Amino acid sequence: MIKSMTGFGAAAGEIMGQRARLEIKTLNNRYREFVVRMPHFLGSMEESLKKLINAGVSRGRVELWLQVDLQAGQDGMDLAPNLPAARKLRDALENVRSDLGLPGPITMGHLLRLERVFLSPDGPNPLEDKDPDKLWEDLKALAEKAVAQLISMRVSEGALLQADIERRLDDLEITHKELKAIAQNQPMAITKRYQARLEELAETVLDPARLAQEAAILAEKLDITEEITRFASHVKNFRQILCQEGPVGRRLEFLLQELLREANTMGSKSQSLPITELVLSFKSELEKIREQVLNVE
C-alpha cells in the first residue's frame, strides 16, 4: 500500500512538568527536507527528533513545530520582561534594517517573534538543569504520538490516491485494447491507401510485387505493435509497484515517463485518426495519474 506525502499529526502533553504541544506537517517534496521550529533550549534534541520522524517518513517536506509553555506559577503567566536581551535584539534588528536599507521601524511585533524577550521570574529556563535523558523520554513520548497520527493520515490519504490511480489504470487498459484491435488492421489499410495513392498519381496499374514490397516497408515504419506491447508491460509493472510496501513514488514517476514515451512514439507514427484520438486519451489519463503520483511517498 502506498502512502501520501501529505499529512498532519499533533500531540499535547508535558515535558518535565511543562506544558508542551508538538505539531508535524508533511508536504510534497522530491527529497526529504526538514523545517524545525522549537525552543532554543531544546536544540540538542533536534537531531533525535529528526531520527524518530525519519523512521516513518522517507520522503517529503517535514515541518515540525514545538511549543513549550514555561510555567513559574500555577497559571503559567508569571513572566517578566528580559529587558537587556530585548535591547540587544532591537539593536541587532536595527543594524540589519539599516545595512539592508529596509523601510519601516523595528516594532514590538518584530521582538515578540524572537525568544528570550520574556522570562520566568524564577530563571530563564526551568528545564535547564533537568536530566537530559528524562527530558528526551518525555519529548519522545510526545513525538511518537504526533508521528503515529501523521503516519495514519498519510496511509489513509495513500489509500485514496491508490484507488484513484487504479481506476485510471483500468481506463488505460480499456483504451489499450481498443488501440490494439485497430493497430492489427493497420498494415492492410496502409497497403490499400498506398496503392490507391500511387495509382492515382501514376494513372496506371503498378506491379503488384513492387507495390507489396513498398507497402510492407512503409507499414513496418508505421507499425506500433512494439510500443503497444511495452505500454501494456509498463502498466502491469505499475500495478505491481502500487501494492508494494515502502517508498515507491520515484519508481512510479520513472514508469510514467516510460509510458508517456511509448504514447508519444505511437502518436508520431500514427497516420490514423482513431489511433491518434486513442493516444491523446492515453496522454490525458497519464497526466492525471502523474498529478497523483507526485504526492506518493
Protein backbone atom coordinates (compact mmCIF):
# COMPACT_ATOMS: atom_id res chain seq x y z
CA MET A 1 0.00 0.00 0.00
CA ILE A 2 1.31 3.42 -0.91
CA LYS A 3 1.47 6.41 1.43
CA SER A 4 0.79 10.02 0.64
CA MET A 5 3.44 12.66 1.33
CA THR A 6 0.74 14.91 2.77
CA GLY A 7 -0.16 14.52 6.42
CA PHE A 8 -0.52 16.12 9.82
CA GLY A 9 0.00 14.94 13.36
CA ALA A 10 -0.16 16.71 16.71
CA ALA A 11 0.19 15.83 20.38
CA ALA A 12 -0.08 17.78 23.62
CA GLY A 13 1.31 16.81 26.98
CA GLU A 14 4.02 17.65 29.47
CA ILE A 15 7.80 17.73 29.26
CA MET A 16 9.27 17.56 32.76
CA GLY A 17 6.18 19.25 34.18
CA GLN A 18 5.99 21.95 31.49
CA ARG A 19 3.04 22.05 29.11
CA ALA A 20 4.04 21.35 25.52
CA ARG A 21 2.49 20.86 22.09
CA LEU A 22 4.17 19.26 19.09
CA GLU A 23 2.84 19.52 15.53
CA ILE A 24 4.24 17.80 12.44
CA LYS A 25 3.08 18.60 8.92
CA THR A 26 4.39 16.93 5.77
CA LEU A 27 4.09 18.20 2.21
CA ASN A 28 5.15 17.17 -1.29
CA ASN A 29 8.87 17.29 -1.95
CA ARG A 30 11.17 15.37 -4.24
CA TYR A 31 13.51 14.70 -1.33
CA ARG A 32 13.22 14.67 2.46
CA GLU A 33 13.56 18.16 3.90
CA PHE A 34 13.13 19.43 7.46
CA VAL A 35 11.94 22.79 8.71
CA VAL A 36 12.15 22.82 12.53
CA ARG A 37 10.82 25.47 14.88
CA MET A 38 11.45 24.70 18.55
CA PRO A 39 12.75 26.49 21.68
CA HIS A 40 16.48 27.12 21.64
CA PHE A 41 16.94 25.38 25.00
CA LEU A 42 15.77 22.11 23.40
CA GLY A 43 18.05 22.47 20.39
CA SER A 44 20.14 19.48 21.48
CA MET A 45 17.06 17.29 20.94
CA GLU A 46 16.54 18.31 17.30
CA GLU A 47 18.60 15.55 15.69
CA SER A 48 16.96 12.90 17.87
CA LEU A 49 13.54 14.19 16.80
CA LYS A 50 14.56 14.03 13.15
CA LYS A 51 15.75 10.44 13.52
CA LEU A 52 12.47 9.46 15.14
CA ILE A 53 10.49 11.03 12.30
CA ASN A 54 12.80 9.54 9.66
CA ALA A 55 11.81 6.06 10.81
CA GLY A 56 8.29 6.67 9.48
CA VAL A 57 8.78 9.34 6.81
CA SER A 58 11.06 8.60 3.85
CA ARG A 59 10.19 11.45 1.53
CA GLY A 60 8.60 14.89 1.63
CA ARG A 61 8.97 18.24 3.33
CA VAL A 62 8.60 17.91 7.10
CA GLU A 63 7.59 20.95 9.11
CA LEU A 64 7.96 20.49 12.87
CA TRP A 65 6.75 22.98 15.44
CA LEU A 66 7.31 22.50 19.17
CA GLN A 67 5.96 24.93 21.76
CA VAL A 68 6.76 24.70 25.46
CA ASP A 69 4.88 26.90 27.93
CA LEU A 70 7.37 27.60 30.71
CA GLN A 71 5.39 27.92 33.93
CA ALA A 72 6.56 29.74 37.02
CA GLY A 73 3.21 29.77 38.82
CA GLN A 74 0.06 27.67 38.66
CA ASP A 75 -1.44 29.73 35.89
CA GLY A 76 1.73 29.75 33.81
CA MET A 77 1.56 33.51 33.33
CA ASP A 78 4.19 34.69 35.83
CA LEU A 79 6.56 36.20 33.29
CA ALA A 80 8.93 39.17 33.45
CA PRO A 81 10.47 41.11 30.57
CA ASN A 82 14.11 40.38 29.81
CA LEU A 83 15.00 43.98 29.06
CA PRO A 84 18.75 43.53 28.42
CA ALA A 85 18.03 40.81 25.88
CA ALA A 86 15.24 42.86 24.31
CA ARG A 87 17.60 45.85 23.87
CA LYS A 88 20.26 43.69 22.23
CA LEU A 89 17.71 42.11 19.91
CA ARG A 90 16.32 45.52 18.99
CA ASP A 91 19.79 46.89 18.24
CA ALA A 92 20.64 43.83 16.15
CA LEU A 93 17.42 44.15 14.16
CA GLU A 94 18.03 47.86 13.69
CA ASN A 95 21.52 47.13 12.30
CA VAL A 96 20.07 44.62 9.84
CA ARG A 97 17.37 47.08 8.78
CA SER A 98 19.92 49.86 8.31
CA ASP A 99 22.54 47.78 6.46
CA LEU A 100 19.98 46.32 4.05
CA GLY A 101 18.14 49.60 3.58
CA LEU A 102 14.83 48.10 4.65
CA PRO A 103 11.91 50.52 5.12
CA GLY A 104 9.95 50.98 8.32
CA PRO A 105 10.86 50.95 12.02
CA ILE A 106 11.51 47.99 14.33
CA THR A 107 8.28 47.30 16.26
CA MET A 108 7.16 45.25 19.24
CA GLY A 109 5.76 42.73 16.79
CA HIS A 110 9.25 42.00 15.50
CA LEU A 111 10.60 41.48 19.03
CA LEU A 112 7.76 39.17 20.05
CA ARG A 113 8.72 36.78 17.27
CA LEU A 114 12.08 36.25 18.97
CA GLU A 115 12.86 34.20 22.04
CA ARG A 116 14.25 35.44 25.37
CA VAL A 117 12.21 38.65 25.39
CA PHE A 118 10.20 37.34 28.36
CA LEU A 119 11.49 35.13 31.17
CA SER A 120 10.07 33.39 34.20
CA PRO A 121 10.94 35.27 37.41
CA ASP A 122 12.49 32.03 38.69
CA GLY A 123 15.03 31.86 35.87
CA PRO A 124 15.44 31.82 32.13
CA ASN A 125 14.75 28.10 31.70
CA PRO A 126 13.11 25.76 34.21
CA LEU A 127 14.33 22.80 32.09
CA GLU A 128 17.96 23.91 32.03
CA ASP A 129 19.18 21.71 34.88
CA LYS A 130 16.90 18.74 34.21
CA ASP A 131 18.16 15.28 33.41
CA PRO A 132 18.59 15.22 29.58
CA ASP A 133 17.65 11.52 29.42
CA LYS A 134 14.40 12.16 31.26
CA LEU A 135 13.82 15.25 29.13
CA TRP A 136 14.19 13.20 25.96
CA GLU A 137 11.98 10.47 27.35
CA ASP A 138 9.10 12.93 27.79
CA LEU A 139 9.72 14.62 24.45
CA LYS A 140 9.97 11.26 22.68
CA ALA A 141 6.62 10.15 24.08
CA LEU A 142 5.06 13.35 22.76
CA ALA A 143 6.73 12.97 19.36
CA GLU A 144 5.70 9.32 18.98
CA LYS A 145 2.04 10.28 19.41
CA ALA A 146 2.31 13.01 16.78
CA VAL A 147 4.21 10.75 14.35
CA ALA A 148 1.67 7.95 14.77
CA GLN A 149 -1.14 10.37 13.90
CA LEU A 150 0.86 11.72 10.97
CA ILE A 151 1.56 8.28 9.51
CA SER A 152 -2.06 7.23 9.96
CA MET A 153 -3.17 10.23 7.90
CA ARG A 154 -0.53 9.55 5.23
CA VAL A 155 -1.70 5.94 4.96
CA SER A 156 -5.36 7.00 4.66
CA GLU A 157 -4.51 9.59 2.02
CA GLY A 158 -2.38 6.98 0.24
CA ALA A 159 -5.32 4.58 0.04
CA LEU A 160 -7.39 7.26 -1.67
CA LEU A 161 -4.56 8.00 -4.10
CA GLN A 162 -4.15 4.32 -4.91
CA ALA A 163 -7.86 3.83 -5.56
CA ASP A 164 -7.91 6.79 -7.96
CA ILE A 165 -4.74 5.66 -9.76
CA GLU A 166 -6.02 2.09 -10.15
CA ARG A 167 -9.29 3.38 -11.63
CA ARG A 168 -7.33 5.38 -14.18
CA LEU A 169 -5.16 2.37 -14.98
CA ASP A 170 -8.37 0.45 -15.70
CA ASP A 171 -9.32 3.17 -18.18
CA LEU A 172 -5.87 2.95 -19.77
CA GLU A 173 -6.24 -0.79 -20.25
CA ILE A 174 -9.65 -0.40 -21.87
CA THR A 175 -8.22 2.17 -24.29
CA HIS A 176 -5.22 -0.10 -24.86
CA LYS A 177 -7.47 -2.95 -26.03
CA GLU A 178 -9.22 -0.65 -28.48
CA LEU A 179 -5.90 0.61 -29.79
CA LYS A 180 -4.51 -2.91 -30.17
CA ALA A 181 -7.54 -4.01 -32.19
CA ILE A 182 -7.26 -1.04 -34.55
CA ALA A 183 -3.48 -1.41 -34.92
CA GLN A 184 -3.83 -5.02 -36.08
CA ASN A 185 -5.65 -3.82 -39.19
CA GLN A 186 -3.19 -1.06 -39.99
CA PRO A 187 -0.85 -2.97 -42.37
CA MET A 188 -3.73 -3.85 -44.73
CA ALA A 189 -5.17 -0.35 -44.50
CA ILE A 190 -1.78 1.20 -45.23
CA THR A 191 -1.28 -1.09 -48.25
CA LYS A 192 -4.65 -0.18 -49.74
CA ARG A 193 -4.17 3.53 -49.14
CA TYR A 194 -0.66 3.40 -50.54
CA GLN A 195 -1.81 1.55 -53.66
CA ALA A 196 -4.70 3.91 -54.30
CA ARG A 197 -2.48 6.95 -53.95
CA LEU A 198 0.24 5.64 -56.29
CA GLU A 199 -2.25 4.56 -58.93
CA GLU A 200 -3.84 7.99 -58.74
CA LEU A 201 -0.50 9.65 -59.32
CA ALA A 202 0.73 7.23 -62.00
CA GLU A 203 -2.64 6.80 -63.75
CA THR A 204 -1.69 3.20 -64.36
CA VAL A 205 -1.72 -0.21 -62.67
CA LEU A 206 1.53 -0.82 -60.79
CA ASP A 207 3.45 -4.05 -60.47
CA PRO A 208 1.78 -5.92 -57.57
CA ALA A 209 5.07 -7.35 -56.28
CA ARG A 210 6.78 -3.95 -56.16
CA LEU A 211 3.71 -2.40 -54.61
CA ALA A 212 3.58 -5.05 -51.91
CA GLN A 213 7.27 -4.53 -51.15
CA GLU A 214 6.97 -0.77 -50.83
CA ALA A 215 3.80 -1.07 -48.76
CA ALA A 216 5.49 -3.54 -46.43
CA ILE A 217 8.38 -1.16 -45.85
CA LEU A 218 6.01 1.69 -45.09
CA ALA A 219 3.85 -0.48 -42.83
CA GLU A 220 6.92 -1.53 -40.86
CA LYS A 221 7.92 2.10 -40.30
CA LEU A 222 4.44 2.95 -39.06
CA ASP A 223 3.93 -0.24 -37.04
CA ILE A 224 3.21 0.43 -33.34
CA THR A 225 2.97 -3.18 -32.18
CA GLU A 226 6.14 -2.97 -30.06
CA GLU A 227 5.02 0.25 -28.41
CA ILE A 228 1.63 -1.28 -27.63
CA THR A 229 3.29 -4.33 -26.05
CA ARG A 230 5.70 -2.26 -23.97
CA PHE A 231 2.88 0.03 -22.86
CA ALA A 232 0.92 -2.95 -21.52
CA SER A 233 4.03 -4.25 -19.73
CA HIS A 234 4.63 -0.87 -18.05
CA VAL A 235 1.01 -0.71 -16.86
CA LYS A 236 1.36 -4.20 -15.36
CA ASN A 237 4.56 -3.20 -13.54
CA PHE A 238 2.88 -0.02 -12.36
CA ARG A 239 0.11 -2.04 -10.69
CA GLN A 240 2.63 -4.33 -9.01
CA ILE A 241 4.62 -1.43 -7.57
CA LEU A 242 1.44 0.18 -6.24
CA CYS A 243 0.92 -2.85 -4.00
CA GLN A 244 4.46 -2.95 -2.62
CA GLU A 245 5.47 -1.74 0.83
CA GLY A 246 7.80 1.20 1.37
CA PRO A 247 8.53 4.33 -0.67
CA VAL A 248 7.61 3.79 -4.34
CA GLY A 249 6.92 7.32 -5.61
CA ARG A 250 10.14 7.74 -7.59
CA ARG A 251 9.76 4.36 -9.29
CA LEU A 252 6.22 5.24 -10.29
CA GLU A 253 7.43 8.56 -11.68
CA PHE A 254 10.01 6.72 -13.81
CA LEU A 255 7.39 4.30 -15.17
CA LEU A 256 5.13 7.21 -16.02
CA GLN A 257 7.93 8.72 -18.10
CA GLU A 258 8.27 5.41 -19.97
CA LEU A 259 4.51 5.19 -20.54
CA LEU A 260 4.46 8.72 -21.89
CA ARG A 261 7.43 7.94 -24.14
CA GLU A 262 5.56 4.98 -25.68
CA ALA A 263 2.42 7.07 -26.14
CA ASN A 264 4.38 9.84 -27.87
CA THR A 265 6.04 7.34 -30.20
CA MET A 266 2.66 5.83 -31.11
CA GLY A 267 1.31 9.28 -31.79
CA SER A 268 4.24 10.25 -34.02
CA LYS A 269 3.90 7.06 -36.08
CA SER A 270 0.15 7.17 -36.41
CA GLN A 271 -1.49 8.08 -39.70
CA SER A 272 -4.88 7.01 -38.42
CA LEU A 273 -7.31 9.41 -36.81
CA PRO A 274 -8.81 6.74 -34.48
CA ILE A 275 -5.31 5.80 -33.26
CA THR A 276 -4.39 9.45 -32.76
CA GLU A 277 -7.54 10.01 -30.69
CA LEU A 278 -6.80 6.97 -28.51
CA VAL A 279 -3.21 8.10 -27.99
CA LEU A 280 -4.47 11.51 -26.87
CA SER A 281 -6.72 9.71 -24.40
CA PHE A 282 -3.66 7.83 -23.13
CA LYS A 283 -1.76 11.06 -22.57
CA SER A 284 -4.69 12.72 -20.81
CA GLU A 285 -5.01 9.86 -18.32
CA LEU A 286 -1.25 9.69 -17.80
CA GLU A 287 -1.18 13.38 -16.90
CA LYS A 288 -3.92 12.83 -14.31
CA ILE A 289 -2.00 9.88 -12.86
CA ARG A 290 1.18 11.97 -12.76
CA GLU A 291 -0.57 14.60 -10.64
CA GLN A 292 -1.46 11.91 -8.11
CA VAL A 293 1.94 10.19 -8.17
CA LEU A 294 3.66 13.48 -7.32
CA ASN A 295 2.05 13.11 -3.89
CA VAL A 296 3.16 9.49 -3.34
CA GLU A 297 5.98 8.83 -0.89
